Amino acid sequence: MAVVREPAVAGRFYPSVATQLSNDLASYLSPQTEKIAAIGCIAPHAGYMYSGRVAGAVFSRIDVPARCIVLGPNHTGRGHPLAIMTQGSWRTPLGELSIDRELASRLLESFPAVTEDSAAHRLEHAIEVEVPFLQTVRPDVLFVPISLGTGQFVILEHLGKAIAQVVHALGERVLILASSDMNHYENDETTRVKDRKAIERILALDPRGLHEIVMNESISMCGFGPSVTMLTAAKTLGAQKAELVQYATSGDIFGDRDHVVGYAGIVVV
């Protein structure tokens, strides 16, 4: 019997009613935007009221292929620190999105440190909030969810190279999506300064530099691990440049500039 991962944050991070969710997604997406064949991207994963517009700008910019790997941080601490699901589907109010069993199995074989573990995904929101966007822009997409609970550069780098190897061998385009918010819960001015430093490393396609700046400058970018892995994979696959599609903080939405979270939408080609 196939595993169905039930939604953990529907009704909190995004609407639990399909029609309302579809309407919200439509308001964030811009179908007329020129699409590019991105290798990778970074999209935020906060509640849609906070980061939906930035996420929508990313998904509007990308011609999403038939296959996608979604890397997210593990906020809950549950399960294995390198957790993949290789079969089944994820349910949202819009229906079910199927896991790419072939691609997931190849990744598991290529990088055995990754472990089959649904427990790490069960209550985690970082990947879940990306799924309705994928369902909307590419309803037939197959995806591979990988939850990362480690910040060790060597592991993140090796995983990125393994992903690149598998994607190259597959012989077709796969979108590598890193789910991440930026700096957390400092004032708006501080957050923008810190986020700019991290974004500069991302735009330079510098995964080691991103890791170092996050560590040295105490930047609370929750998905820096997924971003390091995505950048490593993208560079290995021949990425030439990155583009900042949109940036905002929660202060832009609600006006509170004392305790904000940053959101960056970036595509890598």
Protein backbone atom coordinates (compact mmCIF):
# COMPACT_ATOMS: atom_id res chain seq x y z
CA MET A 1 0.00 0.00 0.00
CA ALA A 2 1.43 3.36 -1.09
CA VAL A 3 2.34 5.85 1.62
CA VAL A 4 0.34 9.08 1.57
CA ARG A 5 1.95 11.90 3.49
CA GLU A 6 -0.93 13.95 4.89
CA PRO A 7 -0.69 17.76 5.11
CA ALA A 8 0.70 19.03 8.42
CA VAL A 9 0.19 22.79 8.04
CA ALA A 10 -2.89 23.20 5.82
CA GLY A 11 -5.15 25.74 7.46
CA ARG A 12 -2.17 27.44 9.12
CA PHE A 13 0.52 28.17 6.53
CA TYR A 14 -1.91 28.10 3.63
CA PRO A 15 -5.69 27.60 3.18
CA SER A 16 -7.15 24.17 3.84
CA VAL A 17 -10.00 24.73 1.35
CA ALA A 18 -9.07 23.95 -2.25
CA THR A 19 -10.91 26.86 -3.85
CA GLN A 20 -9.42 29.40 -1.47
CA LEU A 21 -5.96 27.89 -1.89
CA SER A 22 -6.26 28.01 -5.68
CA ASN A 23 -7.38 31.64 -5.56
CA ASP A 24 -4.48 32.59 -3.30
CA LEU A 25 -1.97 30.81 -5.53
CA ALA A 26 -3.41 32.54 -8.60
CA SER A 27 -2.87 35.90 -6.89
CA TYR A 28 0.82 35.08 -6.27
CA LEU A 29 1.60 33.68 -9.73
CA SER A 30 2.12 35.72 -12.89
CA PRO A 31 1.47 33.48 -15.94
CA GLN A 32 2.68 36.18 -18.34
CA THR A 33 6.19 36.16 -16.87
CA GLU A 34 8.85 34.91 -19.29
CA LYS A 35 9.85 31.39 -18.26
CA ILE A 36 13.41 30.07 -18.05
CA ALA A 37 14.75 26.51 -17.92
CA ALA A 38 16.31 26.77 -14.47
CA ILE A 39 18.61 24.12 -13.02
CA GLY A 40 17.86 25.15 -9.45
CA CYS A 41 16.09 27.71 -7.32
CA ILE A 42 15.52 28.95 -3.79
CA ALA A 43 11.97 29.66 -2.64
CA PRO A 44 10.72 30.66 0.83
CA HIS A 45 8.47 28.47 2.97
CA ALA A 46 6.73 30.75 5.47
CA GLY A 47 3.00 31.14 5.69
CA TYR A 48 1.68 32.32 2.34
CA MET A 49 0.51 35.64 3.81
CA TYR A 50 4.15 36.40 4.54
CA SER A 51 6.15 34.85 1.71
CA GLY A 52 3.60 33.78 -0.92
CA ARG A 53 4.41 36.64 -3.28
CA VAL A 54 8.14 35.91 -3.25
CA ALA A 55 7.53 32.18 -3.77
CA GLY A 56 5.05 32.96 -6.52
CA ALA A 57 7.63 35.13 -8.29
CA VAL A 58 10.04 32.17 -8.35
CA PHE A 59 7.51 29.67 -9.66
CA SER A 60 6.30 32.20 -12.23
CA ARG A 61 9.85 32.55 -13.56
CA ILE A 62 10.58 28.84 -14.02
CA ASP A 63 9.51 26.44 -16.74
CA VAL A 64 9.04 23.56 -14.30
CA PRO A 65 10.13 20.24 -15.86
CA ALA A 66 8.50 16.87 -15.35
CA ARG A 67 10.78 16.02 -12.41
CA CYS A 68 11.80 17.98 -9.34
CA ILE A 69 13.94 17.41 -6.25
CA VAL A 70 12.84 19.47 -3.25
CA LEU A 71 15.39 19.98 -0.47
CA GLY A 72 14.16 21.39 2.81
CA PRO A 73 15.55 21.98 6.30
CA ASN A 74 14.37 19.90 9.22
CA HIS A 75 12.84 22.34 11.72
CA THR A 76 11.32 19.67 13.96
CA GLY A 77 14.42 17.61 14.75
CA ARG A 78 12.44 14.43 14.09
CA GLY A 79 13.78 11.52 12.09
CA HIS A 80 17.04 11.01 10.24
CA PRO A 81 19.16 14.10 9.39
CA LEU A 82 19.30 13.02 5.73
CA ALA A 83 15.77 11.78 5.10
CA ILE A 84 14.26 10.87 1.75
CA MET A 85 10.92 9.41 0.73
CA THR A 86 11.13 7.14 -2.30
CA GLN A 87 7.51 6.16 -2.86
CA GLY A 88 3.93 7.25 -2.32
CA SER A 89 2.54 10.75 -2.57
CA TRP A 90 1.98 13.99 -0.65
CA ARG A 91 -1.57 15.20 -0.18
CA THR A 92 -2.64 18.85 -0.09
CA PRO A 93 -6.11 20.38 -0.50
CA LEU A 94 -5.39 20.37 -4.26
CA GLY A 95 -4.94 16.58 -4.36
CA GLU A 96 -1.92 14.29 -4.35
CA LEU A 97 1.54 14.89 -5.80
CA SER A 98 3.38 11.66 -6.58
CA ILE A 99 6.93 10.90 -5.52
CA ASP A 100 9.35 10.07 -8.36
CA ARG A 101 10.20 6.54 -7.33
CA GLU A 102 12.85 5.99 -10.01
CA LEU A 103 14.73 9.22 -9.32
CA ALA A 104 14.48 8.80 -5.54
CA SER A 105 15.80 5.23 -5.74
CA ARG A 106 18.73 6.33 -7.86
CA LEU A 107 19.59 9.04 -5.32
CA LEU A 108 19.38 6.56 -2.46
CA GLU A 109 21.71 4.21 -4.31
CA SER A 110 24.13 6.97 -5.28
CA PHE A 111 24.40 8.49 -1.79
CA PRO A 112 23.74 5.78 0.85
CA ALA A 113 24.08 8.30 3.71
CA VAL A 114 20.57 9.39 2.76
CA THR A 115 17.99 7.25 4.56
CA GLU A 116 14.42 6.29 3.72
CA ASP A 117 12.50 7.99 6.53
CA SER A 118 8.98 9.39 6.42
CA ALA A 119 9.08 10.42 10.11
CA ALA A 120 11.36 13.38 9.35
CA HIS A 121 8.77 14.66 6.86
CA ARG A 122 5.55 14.02 8.77
CA LEU A 123 5.28 17.32 10.67
CA GLU A 124 7.80 19.39 8.70
CA HIS A 125 6.46 22.38 6.76
CA ALA A 126 9.45 23.45 4.63
CA ILE A 127 8.78 21.13 1.70
CA GLU A 128 5.01 20.95 2.15
CA VAL A 129 4.41 24.64 1.44
CA GLU A 130 6.16 24.30 -1.93
CA VAL A 131 3.91 21.45 -3.05
CA PRO A 132 0.74 23.47 -3.88
CA PHE A 133 2.84 25.77 -6.08
CA LEU A 134 4.23 22.75 -7.93
CA GLN A 135 0.74 21.27 -8.27
CA THR A 136 -0.50 24.53 -9.79
CA VAL A 137 2.29 25.27 -12.26
CA ARG A 138 2.97 21.63 -13.27
CA PRO A 139 0.17 19.28 -12.11
CA ASP A 140 1.86 16.16 -13.54
CA VAL A 141 5.26 16.81 -11.95
CA LEU A 142 6.95 13.99 -10.03
CA PHE A 143 9.07 15.05 -7.06
CA VAL A 144 11.60 13.75 -4.56
CA PRO A 145 11.44 15.20 -1.01
CA ILE A 146 14.69 15.31 0.99
CA SER A 147 14.79 16.75 4.50
CA LEU A 148 18.19 17.93 5.74
CA GLY A 149 18.95 18.15 9.43
CA THR A 150 22.69 18.73 9.12
CA GLY A 151 24.76 21.84 8.49
CA GLN A 152 28.06 20.06 7.85
CA PHE A 153 29.51 21.42 4.63
CA VAL A 154 31.23 18.22 3.51
CA ILE A 155 27.98 16.24 3.73
CA LEU A 156 25.96 18.93 1.96
CA GLU A 157 28.59 19.16 -0.77
CA HIS A 158 28.76 15.40 -1.29
CA LEU A 159 24.98 15.20 -1.49
CA GLY A 160 24.95 18.00 -4.08
CA LYS A 161 27.52 16.19 -6.20
CA ALA A 162 25.58 12.94 -5.91
CA ILE A 163 22.39 14.71 -7.04
CA ALA A 164 24.25 16.17 -10.03
CA GLN A 165 25.63 12.76 -10.95
CA VAL A 166 22.19 11.15 -10.86
CA VAL A 167 20.54 13.99 -12.80
CA HIS A 168 23.29 13.91 -15.44
CA ALA A 169 22.93 10.16 -15.85
CA LEU A 170 19.16 10.53 -16.14
CA GLY A 171 19.66 12.64 -19.25
CA GLU A 172 16.74 15.01 -18.71
CA ARG A 173 16.20 18.28 -16.92
CA VAL A 174 15.35 18.08 -13.24
CA LEU A 175 14.58 21.17 -11.14
CA ILE A 176 16.50 21.23 -7.84
CA LEU A 177 14.50 23.36 -5.43
CA ALA A 178 15.92 24.53 -2.10
CA SER A 179 13.27 25.60 0.39
CA SER A 180 14.57 28.36 2.66
CA ASP A 181 13.69 31.54 4.46
CA MET A 182 16.46 34.04 5.19
CA ASN A 183 17.46 35.76 8.45
CA HIS A 184 15.01 35.42 11.35
CA TYR A 185 13.66 37.70 14.09
CA GLU A 186 16.06 40.62 14.04
CA ASN A 187 15.15 44.15 13.02
CA ASP A 188 14.52 44.95 9.38
CA GLU A 189 17.74 46.87 8.82
CA THR A 190 19.95 44.14 10.32
CA THR A 191 18.10 41.43 8.45
CA ARG A 192 18.55 43.16 5.10
CA VAL A 193 22.29 43.60 5.69
CA LYS A 194 22.74 39.96 6.68
CA ASP A 195 20.56 38.67 3.87
CA ARG A 196 22.44 40.72 1.29
CA LYS A 197 25.69 39.05 2.35
CA ALA A 198 24.16 35.58 1.93
CA ILE A 199 22.45 36.50 -1.34
CA GLU A 200 25.73 37.79 -2.77
CA ARG A 201 27.32 34.37 -2.22
CA ILE A 202 24.34 32.63 -3.81
CA LEU A 203 24.43 34.93 -6.85
CA ALA A 204 28.16 34.19 -7.14
CA LEU A 205 27.32 30.45 -7.23
CA ASP A 206 29.57 29.99 -4.20
CA PRO A 207 28.23 27.21 -1.93
CA ARG A 208 31.28 27.20 0.36
CA GLY A 209 31.14 30.98 0.63
CA LEU A 210 27.46 30.81 1.53
CA HIS A 211 28.17 28.27 4.25
CA GLU A 212 31.01 30.38 5.65
CA ILE A 213 29.11 33.68 5.65
CA VAL A 214 26.09 32.09 7.37
CA MET A 215 28.33 30.63 10.07
CA ASN A 216 30.66 33.63 10.51
CA GLU A 217 27.97 36.32 10.46
CA SER A 218 25.36 34.40 12.51
CA ILE A 219 22.79 34.56 9.71
CA SER A 220 19.76 32.52 10.76
CA MET A 221 18.95 31.30 7.24
CA CYS A 222 17.10 28.08 8.07
CA GLY A 223 17.58 26.47 4.66
CA PHE A 224 21.24 27.26 4.12
CA GLY A 225 21.95 23.51 4.01
CA PRO A 226 19.50 22.82 1.19
CA SER A 227 20.79 25.94 -0.58
CA VAL A 228 24.43 24.79 -0.32
CA THR A 229 23.43 21.39 -1.71
CA MET A 230 21.39 22.92 -4.54
CA LEU A 231 24.21 25.31 -5.50
CA THR A 232 26.75 22.48 -5.49
CA ALA A 233 24.54 20.34 -7.71
CA ALA A 234 23.73 23.22 -10.06
CA LYS A 235 27.38 24.21 -10.46
CA THR A 236 28.36 20.60 -11.13
CA LEU A 237 25.65 20.45 -13.80
CA GLY A 238 27.07 23.55 -15.49
CA ALA A 239 25.11 26.46 -14.01
CA GLN A 240 26.42 29.81 -15.23
CA LYS A 241 24.49 32.41 -13.26
CA ALA A 242 21.86 33.11 -10.62
CA GLU A 243 19.13 35.75 -10.58
CA LEU A 244 17.44 37.37 -7.59
CA VAL A 245 13.81 37.36 -8.67
CA GLN A 246 12.35 39.02 -5.58
CA TYR A 247 13.27 39.91 -2.00
CA ALA A 248 11.07 41.02 0.89
CA THR A 249 10.82 40.85 4.64
CA SER A 250 7.78 40.19 6.77
CA GLY A 251 7.97 43.88 7.71
CA ASP A 252 6.96 44.75 4.15
CA ILE A 253 3.67 42.95 4.70
CA PHE A 254 2.75 43.76 8.28
CA GLY A 255 4.78 46.86 9.04
CA ASP A 256 6.52 45.48 12.14
CA ARG A 257 10.18 46.34 11.48
CA ASP A 258 11.52 45.20 14.86
CA HIS A 259 11.27 41.42 14.42
CA VAL A 260 11.24 40.33 10.80
CA VAL A 261 12.05 37.32 8.62
CA GLY A 262 13.67 37.73 5.22
CA TYR A 263 12.49 36.00 2.04
CA ALA A 264 14.56 35.65 -1.14
CA GLY A 265 13.45 34.13 -4.41
CA ILE A 266 16.39 33.08 -6.59
CA VAL A 267 16.72 31.06 -9.80
CA VAL A 268 19.91 29.36 -11.02
CA VAL A 269 20.49 28.67 -14.72
